N, C-alpha and C. Protein backbone atom coordinates (compact mmCIF):
# COMPACT_ATOMS: atom_id res chain seq x y z
N MET A 1 97.54 107.94 82.29
CA MET A 1 96.67 108.13 83.21
C MET A 1 95.75 106.50 82.80
N THR A 2 96.41 105.50 82.41
CA THR A 2 95.26 104.96 82.19
C THR A 2 96.02 103.74 82.90
N ALA A 3 97.41 103.85 83.27
CA ALA A 3 98.01 102.79 84.01
C ALA A 3 97.41 103.08 85.42
N ALA A 4 97.36 104.75 86.14
CA ALA A 4 97.19 105.06 87.38
C ALA A 4 95.95 104.72 87.87
N LEU A 5 94.70 104.90 86.17
CA LEU A 5 93.68 104.15 87.04
C LEU A 5 93.33 102.44 87.08
N VAL A 6 94.67 101.90 85.93
CA VAL A 6 94.13 100.20 86.48
C VAL A 6 94.77 99.93 87.85
N ALA A 7 95.96 100.69 88.12
CA ALA A 7 96.46 99.79 89.69
C ALA A 7 95.94 100.67 90.81
N GLY A 8 95.58 102.54 90.93
CA GLY A 8 93.68 102.48 91.83
C GLY A 8 93.43 101.29 91.55
N LEU A 9 92.49 100.80 90.41
CA LEU A 9 91.14 99.30 91.08
C LEU A 9 92.40 98.42 91.00
N LEU A 10 93.18 98.17 90.80
CA LEU A 10 93.61 96.77 91.07
C LEU A 10 94.41 96.98 92.50
N ALA A 11 94.78 98.20 93.64
CA ALA A 11 94.80 98.39 94.65
C ALA A 11 93.75 98.46 95.51
N GLY A 12 92.61 99.14 94.78
CA GLY A 12 91.50 98.79 96.43
C GLY A 12 90.41 97.62 96.06
N TYR A 13 90.89 96.93 94.83
CA TYR A 13 90.23 95.88 95.13
C TYR A 13 91.55 94.51 95.43
N GLY A 14 92.29 94.78 95.62
CA GLY A 14 93.54 94.08 96.75
C GLY A 14 93.02 94.45 98.14
N ILE A 15 93.10 95.55 98.36
CA ILE A 15 92.68 95.35 100.57
C ILE A 15 91.46 95.47 100.35
N ALA A 16 90.44 95.16 99.77
CA ALA A 16 89.16 95.29 100.00
C ALA A 16 88.42 93.38 99.45
N MET A 17 88.95 92.72 99.06
CA MET A 17 88.19 91.52 99.27
C MET A 17 88.75 90.49 100.06
N PRO A 18 89.66 90.69 100.42
CA PRO A 18 90.22 89.22 101.43
C PRO A 18 89.05 89.79 102.52
N VAL A 19 88.13 88.82 103.43
CA VAL A 19 87.44 88.26 103.93
C VAL A 19 87.72 88.47 105.69
N GLY A 20 87.87 89.94 106.27
CA GLY A 20 88.05 90.52 107.71
C GLY A 20 86.78 90.46 108.05
N ALA A 21 86.87 90.47 109.80
CA ALA A 21 86.20 91.17 110.30
C ALA A 21 85.34 92.30 110.35
N ILE A 22 85.90 93.17 109.47
CA ILE A 22 85.57 94.10 109.06
C ILE A 22 83.88 93.85 108.07
N ALA A 23 84.30 93.38 106.94
CA ALA A 23 83.89 92.08 105.77
C ALA A 23 82.41 91.41 106.44
N THR A 24 82.92 90.82 107.61
CA THR A 24 81.65 90.06 108.23
C THR A 24 80.83 90.67 109.04
N TYR A 25 81.17 91.70 110.04
CA TYR A 25 80.27 92.59 110.74
C TYR A 25 79.28 93.26 109.85
N LEU A 26 80.05 93.29 108.49
CA LEU A 26 79.24 94.73 107.03
C LEU A 26 77.87 93.72 106.65
N VAL A 27 78.20 92.42 106.31
CA VAL A 27 77.12 91.42 105.57
C VAL A 27 75.78 90.80 106.89
N ALA A 28 76.88 90.82 108.19
CA ALA A 28 75.86 90.82 109.60
C ALA A 28 75.03 91.81 109.98
N LEU A 29 75.32 93.22 109.42
CA LEU A 29 74.35 94.19 110.30
C LEU A 29 73.71 94.26 109.00
N THR A 30 73.98 94.49 107.51
CA THR A 30 73.08 94.55 106.59
C THR A 30 71.53 93.07 106.62
N ALA A 31 72.62 92.29 107.00
CA ALA A 31 71.00 91.22 107.31
C ALA A 31 70.40 91.66 108.08
N ARG A 32 70.63 91.68 109.48
CA ARG A 32 70.12 92.61 110.40
C ARG A 32 68.94 93.97 110.23
N THR A 33 69.54 94.50 109.28
CA THR A 33 68.93 95.73 109.37
C THR A 33 68.33 95.93 107.89
N SER A 34 68.73 96.90 107.46
CA SER A 34 68.27 97.00 105.63
C SER A 34 69.41 97.55 104.93
N LEU A 35 69.69 97.19 103.24
CA LEU A 35 70.09 97.58 102.50
C LEU A 35 70.90 99.19 102.76
N LYS A 36 69.89 100.16 102.55
CA LYS A 36 70.26 100.87 102.91
C LYS A 36 71.22 101.71 104.18
N LEU A 37 70.77 100.77 104.99
CA LEU A 37 71.87 100.88 106.44
C LEU A 37 73.16 100.75 105.97
N GLY A 38 72.97 98.77 105.40
CA GLY A 38 74.43 98.41 104.70
C GLY A 38 75.52 99.10 103.53
N ALA A 39 74.59 99.49 103.11
CA ALA A 39 75.52 101.04 101.39
C ALA A 39 75.74 101.70 102.37
N PHE A 40 75.40 102.54 103.81
CA PHE A 40 76.01 103.22 104.30
C PHE A 40 77.16 103.07 104.86
N ALA A 41 77.26 101.97 105.74
CA ALA A 41 77.97 101.28 106.59
C ALA A 41 78.97 100.87 105.52
N ALA A 42 78.88 100.34 103.56
CA ALA A 42 79.96 100.14 102.67
C ALA A 42 81.17 101.65 102.30
N LEU A 43 80.09 101.79 102.06
CA LEU A 43 81.03 103.19 101.98
C LEU A 43 81.66 103.82 103.23
N GLY A 44 81.32 103.42 104.42
CA GLY A 44 82.59 104.52 105.61
C GLY A 44 83.76 103.43 105.31
N VAL A 45 83.86 102.01 104.44
CA VAL A 45 84.67 101.34 104.95
C VAL A 45 85.45 101.38 103.58
N ALA A 46 84.83 102.31 102.50
CA ALA A 46 85.20 102.89 101.22
C ALA A 46 86.41 103.74 101.51
N THR A 47 85.82 104.93 102.09
CA THR A 47 86.35 105.74 102.43
C THR A 47 87.37 105.77 103.27
N ALA A 48 87.74 105.17 104.35
CA ALA A 48 88.79 105.02 104.82
C ALA A 48 89.72 104.53 103.86
N ASP A 49 89.41 103.19 102.95
CA ASP A 49 90.28 102.85 101.99
C ASP A 49 91.16 104.29 101.20
N GLY A 50 89.54 105.40 100.87
CA GLY A 50 90.37 105.68 100.14
C GLY A 50 91.37 107.41 100.77
N LEU A 51 90.81 107.51 101.85
CA LEU A 51 91.76 108.51 102.77
C LEU A 51 93.23 107.76 102.96
N TYR A 52 93.19 106.74 102.94
CA TYR A 52 94.80 106.11 102.92
C TYR A 52 95.19 105.69 102.18
N ALA A 53 94.77 105.29 101.03
CA ALA A 53 95.59 105.90 99.85
C ALA A 53 95.70 107.36 99.16
N LEU A 54 94.93 108.19 99.09
CA LEU A 54 95.61 109.73 99.53
C LEU A 54 96.60 109.69 100.39
N ILE A 55 96.76 109.54 101.36
CA ILE A 55 97.89 110.05 102.74
C ILE A 55 99.18 108.99 101.71
N ALA A 56 98.90 107.61 102.13
CA ALA A 56 100.04 107.25 100.87
C ALA A 56 100.60 107.75 99.33
N THR A 57 100.01 107.79 98.79
CA THR A 57 99.96 108.53 97.48
C THR A 57 100.61 110.18 97.40
N ALA A 58 100.13 110.79 98.84
CA ALA A 58 100.88 112.77 98.80
C ALA A 58 102.23 111.96 100.43
N GLY A 59 101.91 110.81 101.22
CA GLY A 59 103.11 111.29 101.71
C GLY A 59 104.61 110.46 101.17
N GLY A 60 103.96 109.01 100.95
CA GLY A 60 105.32 108.57 99.99
C GLY A 60 106.12 107.91 101.22
N SER A 61 107.14 107.87 100.93
CA SER A 61 108.06 107.04 101.35
C SER A 61 108.33 107.62 103.87
N ALA A 62 107.52 109.08 103.60
CA ALA A 62 107.99 109.31 104.58
C ALA A 62 107.18 108.46 105.26
N LEU A 63 106.06 108.51 105.00
CA LEU A 63 105.39 107.90 106.24
C LEU A 63 105.98 106.23 106.95
N THR A 64 106.67 105.92 106.52
CA THR A 64 106.96 104.48 107.14
C THR A 64 107.49 104.58 107.96
N PRO A 65 108.46 105.44 108.51
CA PRO A 65 108.88 105.52 109.86
C PRO A 65 108.09 106.20 110.71
N LEU A 66 107.30 106.96 110.57
CA LEU A 66 106.16 107.39 111.33
C LEU A 66 104.95 106.49 111.90
N ILE A 67 104.28 105.37 110.97
CA ILE A 67 103.80 104.01 111.61
C ILE A 67 104.70 103.34 111.62
N GLU A 68 105.35 102.75 112.04
CA GLU A 68 105.95 101.57 112.67
C GLU A 68 105.75 102.24 114.47
N PRO A 69 106.13 103.14 115.22
CA PRO A 69 105.79 102.95 115.76
C PRO A 69 104.80 102.74 116.98
N ILE A 70 103.37 103.16 116.01
CA ILE A 70 102.20 103.34 116.37
C ILE A 70 101.42 101.99 116.18
N THR A 71 102.56 100.86 114.97
CA THR A 71 101.69 99.96 114.48
C THR A 71 101.13 99.01 115.73
N THR A 72 102.09 98.36 116.98
CA THR A 72 101.42 97.85 118.09
C THR A 72 100.01 98.62 119.00
N PRO A 73 100.11 99.69 119.21
CA PRO A 73 98.86 100.52 119.75
C PRO A 73 98.07 100.29 119.25
N LEU A 74 97.63 100.64 117.67
CA LEU A 74 96.94 100.05 116.89
C LEU A 74 96.11 98.85 116.81
N LYS A 75 97.11 98.09 117.07
CA LYS A 75 96.39 96.29 116.85
C LYS A 75 95.25 96.29 117.89
N TRP A 76 96.53 96.59 119.13
CA TRP A 76 95.29 96.57 120.60
C TRP A 76 94.09 97.35 120.82
N ILE A 77 94.43 98.21 119.88
CA ILE A 77 93.41 98.53 120.18
C ILE A 77 92.06 98.31 118.99
N SER A 78 92.88 97.98 117.67
CA SER A 78 91.61 97.70 117.09
C SER A 78 90.99 95.70 117.84
N VAL A 79 91.78 95.08 118.50
CA VAL A 79 91.31 93.73 118.86
C VAL A 79 90.82 94.80 120.38
N LEU A 80 90.83 95.16 120.93
CA LEU A 80 89.23 95.63 121.85
C LEU A 80 88.31 96.60 121.48
N VAL A 81 88.00 96.68 119.58
CA VAL A 81 87.19 97.22 118.99
C VAL A 81 86.11 95.89 118.60
N LEU A 82 86.80 95.27 117.90
CA LEU A 82 86.41 93.61 117.59
C LEU A 82 86.06 92.81 118.50
N LEU A 83 86.24 92.97 120.10
CA LEU A 83 86.18 92.24 120.72
C LEU A 83 84.69 92.67 121.44
N ALA A 84 84.55 94.04 121.37
CA ALA A 84 83.08 94.70 121.96
C ALA A 84 82.74 94.20 120.91
N LEU A 85 82.84 94.51 119.79
CA LEU A 85 82.16 94.13 118.68
C LEU A 85 81.11 93.12 118.59
N ALA A 86 81.34 91.85 118.43
CA ALA A 86 81.48 90.99 118.47
C ALA A 86 80.61 90.50 119.78
N THR A 87 80.76 91.04 121.77
CA THR A 87 79.89 90.53 122.52
C THR A 87 78.44 91.57 122.36
N ARG A 88 78.78 92.89 121.70
CA ARG A 88 77.15 93.89 121.57
C ARG A 88 76.85 92.78 120.45
N GLY A 89 77.29 92.40 119.53
CA GLY A 89 76.66 91.61 118.36
C GLY A 89 75.88 90.46 118.82
N ALA A 90 76.10 89.43 120.34
CA ALA A 90 75.83 88.24 119.59
C ALA A 90 74.57 89.02 121.53
N THR A 91 75.11 89.53 122.13
CA THR A 91 73.91 89.96 122.93
C THR A 91 72.63 90.75 122.80
N THR A 92 73.00 91.52 121.39
CA THR A 92 72.26 92.68 120.34
C THR A 92 70.66 91.40 119.78
N ALA A 93 71.93 90.60 119.56
CA ALA A 93 70.88 89.43 119.26
C ALA A 93 70.18 88.50 119.84
N ILE A 94 70.78 87.93 120.60
CA ILE A 94 69.87 87.32 122.11
C ILE A 94 68.79 88.07 122.14
N THR A 95 68.77 89.45 122.54
CA THR A 95 67.58 90.23 123.47
C THR A 95 66.90 90.68 122.42
N GLN A 96 66.86 90.84 120.51
CA GLN A 96 65.77 90.11 120.19
C GLN A 96 65.33 89.18 120.06
N HIS A 97 65.82 88.46 120.13
CA HIS A 97 65.17 87.21 119.30
C HIS A 97 64.01 86.95 121.46
N ARG A 98 64.66 86.93 122.29
CA ARG A 98 63.75 86.41 123.57
C ARG A 98 63.13 87.81 123.48
N ARG A 99 62.79 88.83 122.60
CA ARG A 99 61.97 90.06 122.84
C ARG A 99 60.84 89.64 121.63
N LEU A 100 61.37 89.01 120.50
CA LEU A 100 60.72 87.80 119.17
C LEU A 100 59.58 87.53 120.66
N GLN A 101 60.18 86.42 120.68
CA GLN A 101 59.37 85.44 121.23
C GLN A 101 58.29 85.39 122.08
N THR A 102 58.63 86.96 123.23
CA THR A 102 57.57 87.13 123.87
C THR A 102 56.32 88.32 123.28
N SER A 103 56.90 88.95 122.13
CA SER A 103 56.03 90.15 121.64
C SER A 103 56.54 90.46 120.03
N PRO A 104 56.32 89.37 119.35
CA PRO A 104 56.26 89.45 118.00
C PRO A 104 56.54 90.88 117.04
N THR A 105 55.00 91.64 117.45
CA THR A 105 55.09 92.78 116.71
C THR A 105 56.93 93.83 117.17
N SER A 106 57.33 93.60 119.00
CA SER A 106 58.31 94.74 118.40
C SER A 106 59.49 94.67 117.97
N ALA A 107 59.98 95.70 117.88
CA ALA A 107 61.67 95.60 117.11
C ALA A 107 62.89 96.34 117.67
N THR A 108 63.63 96.36 117.47
CA THR A 108 64.68 97.14 118.27
C THR A 108 65.01 98.49 116.85
N THR A 109 65.00 99.63 117.33
CA THR A 109 65.74 100.81 116.73
C THR A 109 66.69 100.41 116.36
N PRO A 110 66.95 100.45 114.94
CA PRO A 110 68.56 99.96 113.91
C PRO A 110 69.48 101.23 114.21
N PRO A 111 70.52 101.44 113.97
CA PRO A 111 71.42 102.95 113.88
C PRO A 111 70.65 103.09 112.88
N SER A 112 71.13 104.39 112.90
CA SER A 112 71.52 106.14 111.25
C SER A 112 71.68 105.18 110.26
N PRO A 113 71.44 105.74 108.96
CA PRO A 113 73.18 105.11 108.54
C PRO A 113 73.68 106.03 108.33
N THR A 114 73.96 107.48 109.29
CA THR A 114 74.72 108.41 109.37
C THR A 114 76.06 107.55 110.26
N ARG A 115 75.23 107.03 111.72
CA ARG A 115 75.63 106.51 112.68
C ARG A 115 77.24 105.12 112.34
N ALA A 116 76.17 104.99 111.20
CA ALA A 116 76.52 103.39 110.53
C ALA A 116 77.74 103.53 109.56
N TYR A 117 77.83 105.02 108.98
CA TYR A 117 79.06 104.91 107.70
C TYR A 117 80.04 105.96 108.57
N PHE A 118 80.19 105.81 109.38
CA PHE A 118 80.95 106.32 110.76
C PHE A 118 80.71 105.61 111.41
N ALA A 119 80.16 104.69 111.79
CA ALA A 119 81.51 103.22 112.32
C ALA A 119 82.49 102.69 111.75
N LEU A 120 81.98 102.57 110.71
CA LEU A 120 83.01 101.48 110.28
C LEU A 120 83.78 102.12 108.83
N LEU A 121 83.56 103.92 109.46
CA LEU A 121 84.67 104.80 108.90
C LEU A 121 85.86 104.44 109.97
N GLY A 122 85.81 104.66 111.27
CA GLY A 122 86.13 104.46 111.92
C GLY A 122 87.09 103.34 112.35
N MET A 123 86.03 102.20 112.08
CA MET A 123 86.89 101.08 112.64
C MET A 123 87.86 100.33 111.41
N THR A 124 87.72 100.91 110.52
CA THR A 124 88.83 100.51 109.33
C THR A 124 89.68 101.72 109.26
N LEU A 125 90.11 102.60 109.86
CA LEU A 125 90.73 104.06 109.67
C LEU A 125 91.79 103.28 111.43
N LEU A 126 91.00 102.26 112.33
CA LEU A 126 91.98 101.90 112.95
C LEU A 126 93.33 100.64 112.62
N ASN A 127 93.16 99.40 111.36
CA ASN A 127 93.99 98.74 110.79
C ASN A 127 94.40 99.75 110.03
N PRO A 128 96.35 99.61 111.26
CA PRO A 128 97.35 100.27 110.69
C PRO A 128 97.59 99.23 108.80
N THR A 129 97.65 98.50 108.79
CA THR A 129 97.37 97.56 107.01
C THR A 129 97.21 98.13 106.27
N THR A 130 95.90 98.97 106.77
CA THR A 130 95.64 98.89 105.41
C THR A 130 96.74 100.59 104.91
N ILE A 131 97.44 101.57 105.00
CA ILE A 131 97.99 102.50 105.30
C ILE A 131 99.11 101.87 104.70
N ILE A 132 99.93 100.78 105.72
CA ILE A 132 100.55 100.07 105.26
C ILE A 132 101.07 99.20 103.97
N TYR A 133 99.95 98.97 103.07
CA TYR A 133 99.92 98.49 101.53
C TYR A 133 100.02 99.38 101.41
N PHE A 134 99.22 100.37 101.04
CA PHE A 134 98.87 101.48 99.96
C PHE A 134 100.24 101.77 99.63
N THR A 135 101.07 102.66 101.41
CA THR A 135 102.55 102.44 101.20
C THR A 135 103.16 101.96 100.47
N ALA A 136 103.07 100.65 100.34
CA ALA A 136 104.15 99.74 100.12
C ALA A 136 104.22 99.54 98.83
N LEU A 137 102.55 99.95 98.40
CA LEU A 137 102.41 100.46 96.41
C LEU A 137 102.78 101.48 95.53
N VAL A 138 101.95 101.89 97.00
CA VAL A 138 102.97 103.61 96.07
C VAL A 138 104.83 103.58 95.78
N LEU A 139 105.32 102.92 96.99
CA LEU A 139 106.35 103.33 96.81
C LEU A 139 107.16 102.07 95.80
N GLY A 140 106.36 101.30 95.52
CA GLY A 140 106.92 100.09 94.87
C GLY A 140 106.84 100.30 93.34
N SER A 141 105.99 101.29 92.93
CA SER A 141 105.30 101.27 91.69
C SER A 141 106.22 102.49 91.76
N GLN A 142 106.76 103.53 92.28
CA GLN A 142 107.79 104.68 91.90
C GLN A 142 108.95 104.17 90.84
N ASP A 143 109.14 104.78 90.16
CA ASP A 143 110.19 104.98 88.95
C ASP A 143 110.87 106.08 88.93
N ALA A 144 111.72 106.61 88.26
CA ALA A 144 112.03 107.84 87.37
C ALA A 144 111.15 109.26 87.44
N THR A 145 109.81 108.16 87.16
CA THR A 145 109.20 109.50 86.68
C THR A 145 108.35 109.83 87.30
N THR A 146 108.06 110.62 88.44
CA THR A 146 106.99 111.33 88.98
C THR A 146 105.42 111.64 88.47
N PRO A 147 104.89 110.81 89.39
CA PRO A 147 103.54 110.68 88.88
C PRO A 147 103.33 112.64 89.05
N THR A 148 102.60 112.95 88.42
CA THR A 148 101.49 114.55 88.62
C THR A 148 100.39 114.09 88.93
N HIS A 149 99.73 115.40 89.27
CA HIS A 149 98.84 115.34 90.42
C HIS A 149 97.63 114.66 89.55
N LEU A 150 97.88 114.70 88.29
CA LEU A 150 95.75 114.10 87.75
C LEU A 150 95.85 112.99 87.80
N GLU A 151 97.34 112.30 87.34
CA GLU A 151 97.65 110.56 88.15
C GLU A 151 97.42 109.93 89.45
N GLN A 152 97.94 111.70 90.32
CA GLN A 152 98.01 110.83 91.73
C GLN A 152 95.95 110.79 91.80
N SER A 153 95.81 111.67 91.40
CA SER A 153 93.94 111.79 91.93
C SER A 153 93.20 110.40 91.00
N ILE A 154 94.15 110.43 90.30
CA ILE A 154 92.95 108.99 90.02
C ILE A 154 92.85 108.00 90.36
N PHE A 155 94.44 107.82 90.28
CA PHE A 155 94.49 106.41 91.46
C PHE A 155 94.11 106.88 92.83
N VAL A 156 94.02 107.34 93.19
CA VAL A 156 93.46 106.97 94.66
C VAL A 156 91.32 106.99 94.91
N LEU A 157 91.01 108.37 93.07
CA LEU A 157 89.33 107.82 93.10
C LEU A 157 89.17 106.28 92.86
N ALA A 158 90.13 105.80 92.19
CA ALA A 158 89.84 104.53 91.06
C ALA A 158 89.93 103.68 92.89
N ALA A 159 91.00 103.69 93.67
CA ALA A 159 91.04 102.73 94.42
C ALA A 159 89.12 103.83 95.50
N PHE A 160 89.04 104.81 95.39
CA PHE A 160 87.92 104.54 96.60
C PHE A 160 86.54 103.56 95.36
N THR A 161 86.76 104.12 94.42
CA THR A 161 85.66 103.42 93.77
C THR A 161 85.45 101.72 93.54
N ALA A 162 86.64 101.54 93.30
CA ALA A 162 87.08 99.73 93.57
C ALA A 162 86.68 99.25 95.18
N SER A 163 87.03 99.92 96.07
CA SER A 163 86.79 99.81 97.27
C SER A 163 85.15 99.47 97.31
N ALA A 164 85.22 100.39 96.99
CA ALA A 164 83.47 100.92 97.33
C ALA A 164 82.56 100.05 96.91
N SER A 165 82.90 99.94 95.01
CA SER A 165 82.12 98.66 94.82
C SER A 165 82.30 97.72 95.30
N TRP A 166 82.88 96.70 96.24
CA TRP A 166 83.37 95.50 96.78
C TRP A 166 82.52 95.33 98.05
N GLN A 167 82.72 96.54 98.81
CA GLN A 167 81.82 96.74 100.21
C GLN A 167 80.16 97.10 99.91
N LEU A 168 80.15 97.54 99.14
CA LEU A 168 78.41 97.30 98.32
C LEU A 168 77.61 96.12 97.55
N ALA A 169 78.80 95.05 97.12
CA ALA A 169 78.30 93.84 97.19
C ALA A 169 78.35 93.47 98.45
N LEU A 170 79.26 93.62 99.23
CA LEU A 170 78.77 92.48 100.31
C LEU A 170 77.89 92.61 101.06
N ALA A 171 77.74 94.59 101.26
CA ALA A 171 75.95 94.76 102.04
C ALA A 171 75.01 94.06 100.61
N THR A 172 74.95 94.23 99.71
CA THR A 172 74.41 93.31 98.92
C THR A 172 73.88 91.88 99.08
N SER A 173 74.97 91.32 99.54
CA SER A 173 74.75 90.12 99.87
C SER A 173 74.13 89.42 101.01
N GLY A 174 74.32 90.92 102.55
CA GLY A 174 73.72 90.38 103.12
C GLY A 174 72.80 90.79 103.49
N ALA A 175 72.13 91.34 102.61
CA ALA A 175 70.42 91.61 102.42
C ALA A 175 69.73 90.56 101.65
N LEU A 176 71.03 89.91 101.07
CA LEU A 176 69.87 88.83 100.34
C LEU A 176 70.05 87.88 101.65
N LEU A 177 70.74 87.83 101.92
CA LEU A 177 71.23 86.78 103.67
C LEU A 177 69.78 86.88 104.51
N GLY A 178 69.80 88.37 104.81
CA GLY A 178 68.25 88.81 105.63
C GLY A 178 67.30 88.30 104.90
N ARG A 179 67.35 87.91 103.92
CA ARG A 179 65.74 87.80 103.02
C ARG A 179 65.91 86.58 103.49
N LEU A 180 66.13 85.52 102.93
CA LEU A 180 66.16 84.27 103.15
C LEU A 180 66.04 83.67 105.02
N LEU A 181 67.18 84.59 105.80
CA LEU A 181 66.79 84.19 107.11
C LEU A 181 65.27 84.50 107.88
N THR A 182 63.75 84.05 107.23
CA THR A 182 62.94 84.40 107.75
C THR A 182 62.66 84.12 109.10
N THR A 183 62.93 83.00 109.89
CA THR A 183 62.52 83.06 111.12
C THR A 183 63.72 83.49 112.40
N PRO A 184 63.07 83.70 113.23
CA PRO A 184 64.01 84.18 114.06
C PRO A 184 65.05 83.49 114.69
N THR A 185 64.99 82.29 114.52
CA THR A 185 65.97 82.03 114.97
C THR A 185 67.46 80.99 114.85
N ALA A 186 66.66 80.97 113.18
CA ALA A 186 67.82 81.04 111.74
C ALA A 186 68.79 82.87 112.24
N ARG A 187 67.81 83.61 111.99
CA ARG A 187 68.49 85.43 112.35
C ARG A 187 69.13 85.34 114.17
N LEU A 188 69.39 84.77 114.26
CA LEU A 188 70.02 84.50 115.66
C LEU A 188 71.38 83.93 115.53
N LEU A 189 71.24 82.14 115.16
CA LEU A 189 72.17 81.76 115.23
C LEU A 189 73.33 82.52 114.03
N THR A 190 72.21 82.77 112.64
CA THR A 190 73.73 83.61 111.52
C THR A 190 74.62 84.95 112.86
N ALA A 191 73.72 85.11 114.04
CA ALA A 191 74.29 86.78 114.30
C ALA A 191 75.18 86.46 115.19
N LEU A 192 75.17 85.28 116.18
CA LEU A 192 76.40 84.43 117.01
C LEU A 192 77.27 83.16 116.07
N LEU A 193 77.05 83.11 114.99
CA LEU A 193 77.97 83.01 114.04
C LEU A 193 79.31 83.51 113.46
N SER A 194 78.37 85.17 113.67
CA SER A 194 78.91 86.04 112.62
C SER A 194 79.83 86.61 113.99
N SER A 195 79.58 86.42 114.95
CA SER A 195 80.29 87.05 116.31
C SER A 195 81.13 86.37 117.44
N LEU A 196 81.12 84.94 117.10
CA LEU A 196 82.63 83.83 117.36
C LEU A 196 83.34 84.09 115.89
N LEU A 197 82.34 84.65 114.40
CA LEU A 197 84.64 84.76 113.89
C LEU A 197 84.86 86.25 113.99
N ILE A 198 84.10 87.04 114.38
CA ILE A 198 84.89 88.10 114.51
C ILE A 198 85.57 88.57 116.61
N THR A 199 85.28 87.28 116.44
CA THR A 199 86.21 87.03 117.77
C THR A 199 87.60 86.16 117.52
N ALA A 200 87.46 85.09 116.25
CA ALA A 200 88.36 84.98 116.05
C ALA A 200 89.21 85.30 115.42
N LEU A 201 89.47 86.50 114.77
CA LEU A 201 89.78 87.11 113.94
C LEU A 201 90.79 88.07 114.73
N ALA A 202 89.39 89.07 115.87
CA ALA A 202 90.46 89.53 117.13
C ALA A 202 91.16 88.73 117.18
N LEU A 203 91.29 87.35 118.15
CA LEU A 203 92.24 86.47 118.12
C LEU A 203 93.15 86.57 117.72
N HIS A 204 93.07 85.69 116.43
CA HIS A 204 94.41 86.09 115.53
C HIS A 204 94.98 87.27 115.64
N LEU A 205 94.58 88.29 115.27
CA LEU A 205 95.35 89.55 115.17
C LEU A 205 95.81 89.88 116.62
N LEU A 206 95.52 89.32 117.68
CA LEU A 206 96.17 89.51 118.79
C LEU A 206 97.36 88.66 118.54
N LEU A 207 97.20 87.04 118.10
CA LEU A 207 97.83 86.04 118.29
C LEU A 207 99.60 86.98 117.71
N THR A 208 98.97 87.69 116.58
CA THR A 208 100.78 88.42 115.30
C THR A 208 100.50 89.43 116.46
N THR A 209 100.34 90.22 117.24
CA THR A 209 100.83 91.73 118.27
C THR A 209 101.58 91.29 119.17
N LEU A 210 101.26 90.09 120.06
CA LEU A 210 102.61 89.56 120.77
C LEU A 210 103.99 88.51 120.36
């Protein structure tokens, strides 16, 4: 059981820690809104990682031939979603900046925590790299002894916990960043920089697809 716990924690941190488009969006979202909303969004990402860990653990080697035919379409969808997020983030930031200049008391209603949760859940589920990653880990760690259902459950829960802790740390950093960016101009520049970074990551994914 200890081995399953350690393996799950390492797997969860391994997939969560690389800073990509979703992590960038999570930090920027929390900086613009609140830690509560960012925490819900972070749990959406962790839920997707946990689901993929569960699927990989339960499916094993049967997943590989099923994933390969849909990898390219999923990458294309991911590119479109990321570009849409980058565009929306930039336009929203510009609109908010203009409203603050004309009426300092006006504010844009942020998304609900539930909406933020499902939005980040959907974004992460679109990433085929996650399930391929967990499948490779599960297959690579298999030996002559078949893991018990308890060990599989511990692995999945540990992976979810590790991912959740990292995503919540990103959300907290976003909340701290939001407190530091007290001027409207600073918030605008940060949002535009985030959109540019997400666009760059989307284009990099596009190049790997072609």
